[in-house]
Protein backbone atom coordinates (compact mmCIF):
# COMPACT_ATOMS: atom_id res chain seq x y z
CA UNK A 1 91.46 129.44 20.23
CA UNK A 2 90.34 125.84 21.78
CA UNK A 3 90.09 125.81 26.00
CA UNK A 4 90.10 122.09 27.30
CA UNK A 5 87.40 121.52 30.15
CA UNK A 6 88.23 120.40 33.54
CA UNK A 7 86.76 117.11 34.29
CA UNK A 8 83.62 117.48 36.04
CA UNK A 9 83.75 116.28 39.80
CA UNK A 10 80.84 114.25 40.39
CA UNK A 11 77.58 113.85 38.41
CA UNK A 12 75.73 116.13 40.37
CA UNK A 13 78.70 118.68 40.26
CA UNK A 14 77.79 122.50 39.32
CA UNK A 15 79.67 124.55 36.73
CA UNK A 16 79.94 128.09 36.00
CA UNK A 17 81.38 130.45 33.64
CA UNK A 18 85.00 129.60 34.21
CA UNK A 19 83.97 126.16 32.38
CA UNK A 20 84.67 125.68 28.40
CA UNK A 21 83.24 123.33 26.11
CA UNK A 22 86.07 120.91 25.16
CA UNK A 23 85.93 121.35 21.01
CA UNK A 24 88.86 118.97 20.74
CA UNK A 25 86.68 115.82 21.79
CA UNK A 26 85.44 113.51 18.62
CA UNK A 27 81.64 114.36 17.70
CA UNK A 28 81.29 111.13 15.80
CA UNK A 29 78.63 109.44 17.99
CA UNK A 30 79.13 106.12 16.52
CA UNK A 31 82.76 105.53 18.05
CA UNK A 32 83.81 106.10 21.79
CA UNK A 33 84.11 109.79 22.49
CA UNK A 34 85.62 111.72 25.67
CA UNK A 35 81.99 113.38 25.62
CA UNK A 36 79.26 111.46 23.98
CA UNK A 37 76.89 114.54 24.56
CA UNK A 38 79.04 116.68 22.47
CA UNK A 39 76.92 116.56 19.36
CA UNK A 40 77.43 118.15 16.27
CA UNK A 41 75.03 121.08 17.30
CA UNK A 42 76.46 121.98 20.61
CA UNK A 43 80.13 121.54 19.50
CA UNK A 44 79.48 124.36 16.60
CA UNK A 45 77.84 126.54 19.43
CA UNK A 46 80.86 126.27 21.37
CA UNK A 47 83.04 126.96 18.51
CA UNK A 48 80.79 129.67 17.58
CA UNK A 49 81.31 131.32 20.81
CA UNK A 50 85.35 130.69 20.96
CA UNK A 51 85.49 132.22 17.66
CA UNK A 52 83.77 135.53 18.74
CA UNK A 53 85.94 136.03 21.84
CA UNK A 54 89.41 135.09 19.82
CA UNK A 55 88.04 137.59 17.49
CA UNK A 56 88.04 140.11 20.29
CA UNK A 57 91.35 139.24 21.50
CA UNK A 58 92.75 139.87 17.70
CA UNK A 59 91.35 143.34 17.87
CA UNK A 60 93.83 143.97 20.90
CA UNK A 61 91.27 146.88 22.28
CA UNK A 62 88.72 147.05 25.05
CA UNK A 63 85.72 144.69 24.26
CA UNK A 64 82.34 145.16 24.95
CA UNK A 65 81.33 141.43 24.14
CA UNK A 66 79.32 139.56 26.10
CA UNK A 67 77.96 135.90 26.23
CA UNK A 68 74.57 134.18 27.53
CA UNK A 69 74.71 130.50 27.78
CA UNK A 70 71.16 129.01 28.16
CA UNK A 71 69.71 126.05 29.47
CA UNK A 72 66.67 124.38 28.01
CA UNK A 73 64.55 127.34 27.02
CA UNK A 74 60.60 126.91 27.33
CA UNK A 75 57.81 129.68 27.55
CA UNK A 76 55.33 131.48 25.22
CA UNK A 77 56.26 131.21 21.47
CA UNK A 78 56.53 134.02 19.00
CA UNK A 79 56.34 131.72 16.35
CA UNK A 80 55.18 127.82 16.00
CA UNK A 81 57.02 127.18 12.89
CA UNK A 82 60.25 127.72 14.96
CA UNK A 83 59.71 125.35 18.42
CA UNK A 84 63.13 124.19 19.22
CA UNK A 85 63.44 122.97 22.72
CA UNK A 86 59.74 123.67 23.09
CA UNK A 87 59.17 120.14 21.21
CA UNK A 88 59.69 118.42 24.32
CA UNK A 89 56.64 119.76 25.73
CA UNK A 90 54.90 119.52 22.25
CA UNK A 91 56.21 115.85 22.36
CA UNK A 92 54.68 114.91 26.17
CA UNK A 93 51.13 116.94 25.30
CA UNK A 94 50.60 114.86 22.04
CA UNK A 95 51.51 111.63 23.79
CA UNK A 96 54.18 110.91 21.33
CA UNK A 97 56.49 108.95 23.69
CA UNK A 98 55.76 105.75 25.32
CA UNK A 99 56.90 107.17 28.88
CA UNK A 100 59.46 109.71 30.21
CA UNK A 101 63.54 108.79 29.68
CA UNK A 102 65.64 109.69 32.68
CA UNK A 103 66.52 113.10 30.90
CA UNK A 104 66.42 116.46 32.56
CA UNK A 105 66.66 119.86 31.92
CA UNK A 106 67.78 123.10 33.42
CA UNK A 107 64.95 125.36 32.47
CA UNK A 108 65.03 129.24 31.71
CA UNK A 109 61.90 131.20 30.45
CA UNK A 110 62.52 132.83 27.02
CA UNK A 111 61.42 135.99 28.48
CA UNK A 112 64.05 136.02 31.19
CA UNK A 113 66.59 135.04 28.60
CA UNK A 114 65.74 138.01 26.32
CA UNK A 115 65.75 139.96 29.59
CA UNK A 116 69.24 138.50 30.40
CA UNK A 117 70.51 139.44 26.77
CA UNK A 118 69.31 143.22 27.24
CA UNK A 119 70.94 143.68 30.16
CA UNK A 120 74.23 141.91 28.74
CA UNK A 121 73.93 144.14 26.05
CA UNK A 122 73.62 147.64 28.12
CA UNK A 123 75.42 146.92 31.32
CA UNK A 124 78.70 148.35 31.39
CA UNK A 125 79.60 145.62 33.79
CA UNK A 126 78.72 143.22 31.44
CA UNK A 127 81.72 143.67 28.94
CA UNK A 128 84.14 140.98 28.49
CA UNK A 129 81.58 138.61 30.47
CA UNK A 130 80.01 135.32 29.91
CA UNK A 131 76.73 134.63 31.56
CA UNK A 132 74.85 131.18 32.51
CA UNK A 133 71.24 131.99 31.71
CA UNK A 134 69.65 128.30 33.77
CA UNK A 135 67.24 127.78 36.39
CA UNK A 136 65.79 125.02 38.01
CA UNK A 137 66.49 121.48 36.96
CA UNK A 138 63.87 119.34 36.06
CA UNK A 139 63.85 115.57 35.14
CA UNK A 140 61.23 114.92 32.35
CA UNK A 141 59.13 112.93 34.44
CA UNK A 142 58.79 115.96 36.98
CA UNK A 143 57.70 118.03 33.68
CA UNK A 144 54.86 115.59 33.18
CA UNK A 145 53.78 115.71 36.14
CA UNK A 146 53.36 119.52 36.46
CA UNK A 147 51.88 119.38 33.12
CA UNK A 148 49.02 117.09 34.10
CA UNK A 149 48.79 119.08 37.79
CA UNK A 150 48.39 122.27 35.75
CA UNK A 151 46.38 121.38 32.80
CA UNK A 152 44.07 118.36 33.81
CA UNK A 153 42.19 117.09 30.81
CA UNK A 154 44.31 119.35 28.18
CA UNK A 155 47.57 116.95 29.37
CA UNK A 156 45.76 113.61 29.36
CA UNK A 157 47.87 112.12 26.89
CA UNK A 158 51.35 113.31 28.63
CA UNK A 159 52.66 109.89 29.81
CA UNK A 160 53.20 109.37 33.49
CA UNK A 161 55.29 106.05 33.15
CA UNK A 162 59.05 106.39 33.18
CA UNK A 163 61.31 104.70 31.02
CA UNK A 164 64.07 102.60 32.25
CA UNK A 165 67.64 103.18 30.70
CA UNK A 166 67.32 100.05 29.04
CA UNK A 167 64.04 100.62 27.25
CA UNK A 168 65.92 103.82 25.78
CA UNK A 169 69.39 102.19 24.90
CA UNK A 170 67.99 99.41 23.16
CA UNK A 171 66.28 101.46 20.26
CA UNK A 172 69.33 103.68 20.31
CA UNK A 173 71.17 100.93 18.62
CA UNK A 174 69.06 101.52 15.58
CA UNK A 175 67.77 104.80 15.58
CA UNK A 176 69.88 107.62 15.04
CA UNK A 177 67.38 110.22 16.62
CA UNK A 178 67.28 107.78 20.22
CA UNK A 179 70.95 107.32 19.88
CA UNK A 180 71.46 111.06 20.21
CA UNK A 181 69.75 111.41 23.07
CA UNK A 182 70.83 108.24 25.08
CA UNK A 183 74.03 109.88 26.66
CA UNK A 184 71.88 112.22 28.59
CA UNK A 185 70.43 109.33 30.88
CA UNK A 186 70.57 110.17 34.06
CA UNK A 187 72.85 113.06 33.83
CA UNK A 188 72.40 115.79 36.58
CA UNK A 189 75.37 118.19 35.94
CA UNK A 190 73.92 121.65 36.60
CA UNK A 191 75.37 125.04 36.33
CA UNK A 192 75.15 128.20 38.43
CA UNK A 193 73.47 131.61 37.42
CA UNK A 194 74.72 133.39 40.72
CA UNK A 195 77.18 135.57 38.20
CA UNK A 196 74.13 136.86 36.13
CA UNK A 197 72.17 137.09 39.57
CA UNK A 198 74.75 138.77 41.03
CA UNK A 199 75.92 141.45 38.24
CA UNK A 200 73.05 141.93 36.25
CA UNK A 201 70.46 141.42 39.20
CA UNK A 202 68.99 138.86 36.96
CA UNK A 203 65.84 136.87 38.35
CA UNK A 204 64.69 134.05 36.37
CA UNK A 205 60.86 133.07 37.07
CA UNK A 206 60.17 129.50 38.36
CA UNK A 207 60.55 126.55 36.10
CA UNK A 208 56.98 125.53 36.45
CA UNK A 209 55.90 128.79 35.20
CA UNK A 210 57.94 128.56 32.11
CA UNK A 211 56.47 124.76 31.38
CA UNK A 212 53.08 125.72 31.81
CA UNK A 213 53.09 128.94 30.04
CA UNK A 214 54.86 127.16 27.09
CA UNK A 215 52.21 124.29 27.49
CA UNK A 216 49.49 126.99 26.82
CA UNK A 217 51.24 128.93 24.28
CA UNK A 218 51.66 125.32 22.25
CA UNK A 219 47.56 124.95 22.72
CA UNK A 220 46.81 128.73 21.84
CA UNK A 221 49.05 128.27 18.74
CA UNK A 222 47.15 124.97 17.57
CA UNK A 223 50.17 123.12 18.08
CA UNK A 224 48.79 120.53 20.43
């Protein structure tokens, strides 16, 4: 079953668990789309969740299914071979970016995400519910500043120059990797985790702690 998401009211609008990704949106990034940020990766996660809920409805019985919808996951690594969104911090620390594009993230620490998963699995109140796991919003430029301030010389390669949107969109014409992130420029659509806080008494830690602990973990694993 596919659900069409209501339109966002404004660039700074706030969404909750009642909003669903529109999986009918064309995911071909080479053509005009309703939502250019709906990559195949994002679409696959949305389709998988909707299939899980449809399966529970088809069973026609009580459900204990609960889903957790995370933001950008930072924090300490268990395995440096599987870094996922942590590569954002890695690239900044290695100086692999000429500057910081106008791209932002709603940060969640991996430890807090694991905690919410446990609460969702063990709390009767979580049955049949979706929970957003997203904390404070950070532009990439903010992340760069926090790394420099907390780590000093260890963050000497972190770029402080801000890239213009044009400087990102131009190479996006030729580089598929850059093209994938270009639609996110300037986007600040926020999500509220109030439901997780109120229903499951979940309390995520500050974004700065997740970011700095992530950087220190990368150094400890000799990734940077």
